Amino acid sequence: MTEPTTTTAAGGALLLAALTASLGPLLGQWTLIIVGGFVGSFLAVTALETVTLGRAVLLLLRGVGMSGLFSGVAVVLVAPHVGATADLLLLPVAGVIGWQQDRLLSVALARFGKKDSAP
């Protein structure tokens, strides 16, 4: 099997740019959230120690789903502190959510998960 080269990466970047440009007018800000979550989830997949197809697909779907659910709230919370508009922050915030999904999920479960009702 041949090793990936920089032309493969450039082709992937061109495909991602073409996808974003074609879906942009149809889906608006959702395109930025989906693409950001997808790219961030790919970063999370590359950080896995053992990558199986099932684990990679689960991580990609969960990352894009979490990005879709939480990007709007996160952008509203982050925008005043950064000094940028919400439109500019959709892609990077969705990417960070997709990338750090395991950490965010464990923090949310620790904070809002079941508590022991010991006497």
N, C-alpha and C. Protein backbone atom coordinates (compact mmCIF):
# COMPACT_ATOMS: atom_id res chain seq x y z
N MET A 1 0.85 -1.17 0.00
CA MET A 1 0.00 0.00 0.00
C MET A 1 0.89 1.23 0.00
N THR A 2 0.55 2.18 -0.81
CA THR A 2 1.37 3.38 -0.91
C THR A 2 1.11 4.30 0.27
N GLU A 3 2.13 5.06 0.60
CA GLU A 3 2.03 6.03 1.69
C GLU A 3 1.31 7.28 1.20
N PRO A 4 0.53 7.91 2.06
CA PRO A 4 -0.12 9.16 1.65
C PRO A 4 0.93 10.25 1.44
N THR A 5 0.66 11.09 0.49
CA THR A 5 1.60 12.16 0.17
C THR A 5 0.92 13.50 0.38
N THR A 6 1.67 14.55 0.16
CA THR A 6 1.09 15.88 0.33
C THR A 6 0.03 16.15 -0.73
N THR A 7 0.10 15.51 -1.88
CA THR A 7 -0.95 15.72 -2.88
C THR A 7 -2.27 15.12 -2.41
N THR A 8 -2.20 14.03 -1.64
CA THR A 8 -3.42 13.45 -1.08
C THR A 8 -4.04 14.42 -0.08
N ALA A 9 -3.22 15.01 0.76
CA ALA A 9 -3.73 15.98 1.73
C ALA A 9 -4.29 17.21 1.03
N ALA A 10 -3.62 17.65 -0.03
CA ALA A 10 -4.11 18.80 -0.77
C ALA A 10 -5.44 18.48 -1.46
N GLY A 11 -5.57 17.26 -1.95
CA GLY A 11 -6.84 16.85 -2.56
C GLY A 11 -7.97 16.79 -1.55
N GLY A 12 -7.66 16.32 -0.34
CA GLY A 12 -8.66 16.31 0.72
C GLY A 12 -9.07 17.70 1.13
N ALA A 13 -8.10 18.61 1.22
CA ALA A 13 -8.41 20.00 1.57
C ALA A 13 -9.24 20.65 0.47
N LEU A 14 -8.93 20.34 -0.79
CA LEU A 14 -9.69 20.90 -1.90
C LEU A 14 -11.12 20.36 -1.88
N LEU A 15 -11.27 19.07 -1.58
CA LEU A 15 -12.61 18.49 -1.50
C LEU A 15 -13.41 19.10 -0.36
N LEU A 16 -12.77 19.33 0.79
CA LEU A 16 -13.43 19.95 1.93
C LEU A 16 -13.84 21.39 1.60
N ALA A 17 -12.98 22.12 0.91
CA ALA A 17 -13.31 23.50 0.52
C ALA A 17 -14.45 23.52 -0.49
N ALA A 18 -14.45 22.59 -1.43
CA ALA A 18 -15.53 22.53 -2.42
C ALA A 18 -16.85 22.15 -1.77
N LEU A 19 -16.79 21.23 -0.81
CA LEU A 19 -17.99 20.83 -0.09
C LEU A 19 -18.56 22.00 0.71
N THR A 20 -17.69 22.73 1.39
CA THR A 20 -18.14 23.88 2.17
C THR A 20 -18.72 24.96 1.26
N ALA A 21 -18.08 25.21 0.13
CA ALA A 21 -18.56 26.25 -0.79
C ALA A 21 -19.91 25.87 -1.42
N SER A 22 -20.09 24.58 -1.71
CA SER A 22 -21.34 24.19 -2.35
C SER A 22 -22.50 24.09 -1.36
N LEU A 23 -22.21 23.68 -0.13
CA LEU A 23 -23.28 23.56 0.86
C LEU A 23 -23.55 24.86 1.60
N GLY A 24 -22.64 25.80 1.54
CA GLY A 24 -22.77 27.06 2.27
C GLY A 24 -24.07 27.80 2.01
N PRO A 25 -24.43 28.05 0.77
CA PRO A 25 -25.67 28.77 0.51
C PRO A 25 -26.93 28.00 0.92
N LEU A 26 -26.85 26.68 0.92
CA LEU A 26 -28.03 25.88 1.27
C LEU A 26 -28.24 25.74 2.77
N LEU A 27 -27.16 25.52 3.49
CA LEU A 27 -27.28 25.21 4.91
C LEU A 27 -26.80 26.32 5.84
N GLY A 28 -26.17 27.33 5.31
CA GLY A 28 -25.75 28.46 6.12
C GLY A 28 -24.75 28.09 7.20
N GLN A 29 -25.07 28.47 8.43
CA GLN A 29 -24.13 28.25 9.53
C GLN A 29 -23.99 26.77 9.89
N TRP A 30 -24.98 25.96 9.54
CA TRP A 30 -24.86 24.53 9.83
C TRP A 30 -23.66 23.92 9.11
N THR A 31 -23.34 24.46 7.93
CA THR A 31 -22.18 23.95 7.20
C THR A 31 -20.91 24.16 8.01
N LEU A 32 -20.76 25.33 8.61
CA LEU A 32 -19.58 25.61 9.42
C LEU A 32 -19.51 24.68 10.63
N ILE A 33 -20.64 24.44 11.26
CA ILE A 33 -20.67 23.57 12.44
C ILE A 33 -20.34 22.13 12.05
N ILE A 34 -20.92 21.64 10.97
CA ILE A 34 -20.68 20.26 10.54
C ILE A 34 -19.23 20.06 10.12
N VAL A 35 -18.70 20.99 9.33
CA VAL A 35 -17.31 20.87 8.88
C VAL A 35 -16.36 20.99 10.06
N GLY A 36 -16.60 21.93 10.96
CA GLY A 36 -15.75 22.08 12.14
C GLY A 36 -15.79 20.85 13.03
N GLY A 37 -16.98 20.31 13.26
CA GLY A 37 -17.10 19.10 14.06
C GLY A 37 -16.44 17.90 13.40
N PHE A 38 -16.54 17.82 12.09
CA PHE A 38 -15.92 16.72 11.34
C PHE A 38 -14.41 16.79 11.42
N VAL A 39 -13.85 17.98 11.21
CA VAL A 39 -12.39 18.13 11.26
C VAL A 39 -11.88 17.90 12.69
N GLY A 40 -12.58 18.44 13.67
CA GLY A 40 -12.18 18.21 15.05
C GLY A 40 -12.28 16.74 15.44
N SER A 41 -13.29 16.05 14.94
CA SER A 41 -13.43 14.63 15.23
C SER A 41 -12.33 13.81 14.56
N PHE A 42 -11.89 14.24 13.39
CA PHE A 42 -10.76 13.58 12.76
C PHE A 42 -9.50 13.73 13.60
N LEU A 43 -9.32 14.89 14.21
CA LEU A 43 -8.18 15.06 15.12
C LEU A 43 -8.30 14.12 16.31
N ALA A 44 -9.51 13.92 16.81
CA ALA A 44 -9.71 13.00 17.93
C ALA A 44 -9.42 11.56 17.51
N VAL A 45 -9.77 11.20 16.27
CA VAL A 45 -9.49 9.85 15.78
C VAL A 45 -7.99 9.61 15.65
N THR A 46 -7.27 10.62 15.20
CA THR A 46 -5.82 10.45 15.05
C THR A 46 -5.12 10.32 16.40
N ALA A 47 -5.74 10.78 17.46
CA ALA A 47 -5.14 10.69 18.79
C ALA A 47 -5.40 9.34 19.46
N LEU A 48 -6.25 8.50 18.86
CA LEU A 48 -6.53 7.19 19.44
C LEU A 48 -5.29 6.31 19.38
N GLU A 49 -5.11 5.47 20.40
CA GLU A 49 -3.97 4.56 20.40
C GLU A 49 -4.21 3.38 19.46
N THR A 50 -5.37 2.76 19.55
CA THR A 50 -5.74 1.69 18.63
C THR A 50 -7.00 2.10 17.90
N VAL A 51 -6.88 2.21 16.61
CA VAL A 51 -7.99 2.69 15.80
C VAL A 51 -8.64 1.50 15.09
N THR A 52 -9.91 1.29 15.38
CA THR A 52 -10.70 0.33 14.63
C THR A 52 -11.77 1.11 13.87
N LEU A 53 -12.32 0.50 12.86
CA LEU A 53 -13.31 1.19 12.05
C LEU A 53 -14.53 1.58 12.88
N GLY A 54 -14.99 0.67 13.71
CA GLY A 54 -16.16 0.96 14.54
C GLY A 54 -15.92 2.10 15.52
N ARG A 55 -14.75 2.10 16.15
CA ARG A 55 -14.41 3.17 17.10
C ARG A 55 -14.27 4.50 16.38
N ALA A 56 -13.67 4.50 15.19
CA ALA A 56 -13.50 5.74 14.44
C ALA A 56 -14.85 6.31 13.99
N VAL A 57 -15.73 5.45 13.51
CA VAL A 57 -17.05 5.91 13.08
C VAL A 57 -17.86 6.44 14.26
N LEU A 58 -17.80 5.74 15.39
CA LEU A 58 -18.50 6.20 16.58
C LEU A 58 -17.97 7.56 17.04
N LEU A 59 -16.66 7.73 17.02
CA LEU A 59 -16.06 9.00 17.42
C LEU A 59 -16.45 10.13 16.47
N LEU A 60 -16.47 9.84 15.16
CA LEU A 60 -16.86 10.86 14.19
C LEU A 60 -18.32 11.26 14.35
N LEU A 61 -19.20 10.28 14.50
CA LEU A 61 -20.62 10.59 14.65
C LEU A 61 -20.89 11.34 15.95
N ARG A 62 -20.26 10.89 17.04
CA ARG A 62 -20.47 11.56 18.31
C ARG A 62 -19.90 12.98 18.30
N GLY A 63 -18.76 13.17 17.65
CA GLY A 63 -18.16 14.51 17.58
C GLY A 63 -18.99 15.48 16.77
N VAL A 64 -19.49 15.03 15.63
CA VAL A 64 -20.33 15.90 14.81
C VAL A 64 -21.66 16.17 15.52
N GLY A 65 -22.21 15.16 16.18
CA GLY A 65 -23.46 15.35 16.92
C GLY A 65 -23.31 16.32 18.07
N MET A 66 -22.22 16.16 18.84
CA MET A 66 -21.99 17.07 19.96
C MET A 66 -21.73 18.49 19.46
N SER A 67 -21.03 18.61 18.35
CA SER A 67 -20.79 19.93 17.78
C SER A 67 -22.09 20.59 17.35
N GLY A 68 -22.97 19.81 16.74
CA GLY A 68 -24.25 20.35 16.33
C GLY A 68 -25.12 20.78 17.50
N LEU A 69 -25.05 20.03 18.58
CA LEU A 69 -25.89 20.34 19.73
C LEU A 69 -25.36 21.51 20.56
N PHE A 70 -24.06 21.59 20.74
CA PHE A 70 -23.51 22.52 21.73
C PHE A 70 -22.76 23.71 21.16
N SER A 71 -22.56 23.79 19.86
CA SER A 71 -21.79 24.90 19.30
C SER A 71 -22.49 26.24 19.48
N GLY A 72 -23.78 26.28 19.29
CA GLY A 72 -24.51 27.54 19.43
C GLY A 72 -24.39 28.12 20.82
N VAL A 73 -24.56 27.28 21.83
CA VAL A 73 -24.46 27.74 23.21
C VAL A 73 -23.02 28.15 23.52
N ALA A 74 -22.06 27.34 23.09
CA ALA A 74 -20.66 27.65 23.37
C ALA A 74 -20.21 28.94 22.70
N VAL A 75 -20.67 29.18 21.48
CA VAL A 75 -20.30 30.41 20.78
C VAL A 75 -20.87 31.63 21.50
N VAL A 76 -22.09 31.54 21.96
CA VAL A 76 -22.70 32.66 22.68
C VAL A 76 -21.93 32.94 23.97
N LEU A 77 -21.43 31.91 24.63
CA LEU A 77 -20.67 32.10 25.85
C LEU A 77 -19.25 32.61 25.60
N VAL A 78 -18.64 32.20 24.50
CA VAL A 78 -17.24 32.55 24.21
C VAL A 78 -17.11 33.90 23.53
N ALA A 79 -18.06 34.26 22.68
CA ALA A 79 -17.93 35.47 21.84
C ALA A 79 -17.65 36.75 22.62
N PRO A 80 -18.31 37.05 23.74
CA PRO A 80 -18.00 38.29 24.44
C PRO A 80 -16.58 38.34 25.00
N HIS A 81 -16.03 37.18 25.34
CA HIS A 81 -14.69 37.15 25.92
C HIS A 81 -13.59 37.24 24.87
N VAL A 82 -13.89 36.80 23.67
CA VAL A 82 -12.89 36.81 22.60
C VAL A 82 -12.92 38.13 21.83
N GLY A 83 -14.08 38.74 21.76
CA GLY A 83 -14.22 39.98 21.02
C GLY A 83 -14.47 39.78 19.54
N ALA A 84 -15.01 38.62 19.19
CA ALA A 84 -15.32 38.34 17.80
C ALA A 84 -16.82 38.05 17.69
N THR A 85 -17.32 38.12 16.47
CA THR A 85 -18.73 37.83 16.27
C THR A 85 -18.97 36.32 16.32
N ALA A 86 -20.20 35.95 16.54
CA ALA A 86 -20.55 34.53 16.63
C ALA A 86 -20.34 33.81 15.31
N ASP A 87 -20.54 34.50 14.19
CA ASP A 87 -20.35 33.86 12.89
C ASP A 87 -18.90 33.43 12.67
N LEU A 88 -17.97 34.22 13.16
CA LEU A 88 -16.55 33.88 13.00
C LEU A 88 -16.12 32.75 13.90
N LEU A 89 -16.82 32.53 14.98
CA LEU A 89 -16.41 31.52 15.95
C LEU A 89 -17.07 30.16 15.78
N LEU A 90 -18.03 30.05 14.88
CA LEU A 90 -18.74 28.77 14.74
C LEU A 90 -17.82 27.63 14.35
N LEU A 91 -16.99 27.82 13.34
CA LEU A 91 -16.11 26.75 12.87
C LEU A 91 -15.08 26.35 13.92
N PRO A 92 -14.33 27.29 14.51
CA PRO A 92 -13.34 26.85 15.51
C PRO A 92 -13.95 26.24 16.77
N VAL A 93 -15.07 26.78 17.22
CA VAL A 93 -15.70 26.22 18.42
C VAL A 93 -16.22 24.81 18.14
N ALA A 94 -16.83 24.60 16.99
CA ALA A 94 -17.29 23.25 16.63
C ALA A 94 -16.12 22.29 16.49
N GLY A 95 -15.01 22.77 15.96
CA GLY A 95 -13.81 21.94 15.86
C GLY A 95 -13.26 21.54 17.21
N VAL A 96 -13.22 22.48 18.14
CA VAL A 96 -12.73 22.17 19.49
C VAL A 96 -13.67 21.19 20.19
N ILE A 97 -14.97 21.37 20.01
CA ILE A 97 -15.92 20.43 20.62
C ILE A 97 -15.73 19.03 20.04
N GLY A 98 -15.57 18.94 18.73
CA GLY A 98 -15.34 17.63 18.11
C GLY A 98 -14.03 17.01 18.54
N TRP A 99 -13.01 17.84 18.72
CA TRP A 99 -11.68 17.35 19.08
C TRP A 99 -11.62 16.90 20.54
N GLN A 100 -12.22 17.66 21.43
CA GLN A 100 -12.16 17.39 22.86
C GLN A 100 -13.43 16.72 23.39
N GLN A 101 -14.12 15.98 22.55
CA GLN A 101 -15.40 15.41 22.94
C GLN A 101 -15.30 14.44 24.11
N ASP A 102 -14.26 13.65 24.19
CA ASP A 102 -14.13 12.71 25.31
C ASP A 102 -13.97 13.46 26.63
N ARG A 103 -13.14 14.49 26.62
CA ARG A 103 -12.93 15.28 27.83
C ARG A 103 -14.21 16.01 28.23
N LEU A 104 -14.90 16.60 27.26
CA LEU A 104 -16.14 17.30 27.57
C LEU A 104 -17.22 16.36 28.09
N LEU A 105 -17.28 15.17 27.52
CA LEU A 105 -18.26 14.19 27.96
C LEU A 105 -17.97 13.72 29.39
N SER A 106 -16.71 13.49 29.71
CA SER A 106 -16.37 13.05 31.07
C SER A 106 -16.62 14.16 32.09
N VAL A 107 -16.36 15.41 31.72
CA VAL A 107 -16.63 16.53 32.63
C VAL A 107 -18.14 16.66 32.85
N ALA A 108 -18.91 16.53 31.79
CA ALA A 108 -20.37 16.65 31.92
C ALA A 108 -20.94 15.51 32.77
N LEU A 109 -20.44 14.30 32.58
CA LEU A 109 -20.93 13.17 33.38
C LEU A 109 -20.52 13.31 34.84
N ALA A 110 -19.32 13.83 35.09
CA ALA A 110 -18.89 14.03 36.47
C ALA A 110 -19.71 15.12 37.15
N ARG A 111 -20.08 16.13 36.38
CA ARG A 111 -20.83 17.26 36.96
C ARG A 111 -22.31 16.94 37.11
N PHE A 112 -22.90 16.35 36.07
CA PHE A 112 -24.35 16.16 36.06
C PHE A 112 -24.77 14.69 36.14
N GLY A 113 -23.82 13.77 36.29
CA GLY A 113 -24.14 12.35 36.34
C GLY A 113 -24.83 11.96 37.63
N LYS A 114 -25.12 10.70 37.73
CA LYS A 114 -25.80 10.21 38.94
C LYS A 114 -24.89 10.36 40.15
N LYS A 115 -25.49 10.78 41.19
CA LYS A 115 -24.77 10.91 42.46
C LYS A 115 -25.20 9.76 43.37
N ASP A 116 -24.27 9.26 44.14
CA ASP A 116 -24.59 8.19 45.08
C ASP A 116 -25.45 8.76 46.20
N SER A 117 -26.51 8.05 46.52
CA SER A 117 -27.40 8.51 47.58
C SER A 117 -27.12 7.75 48.87
N ALA A 118 -25.87 7.72 49.24
CA ALA A 118 -25.49 7.02 50.48
C ALA A 118 -25.90 7.85 51.69
N PRO A 119 -26.37 7.20 52.75
CA PRO A 119 -26.81 7.96 53.94
C PRO A 119 -25.68 8.60 54.69
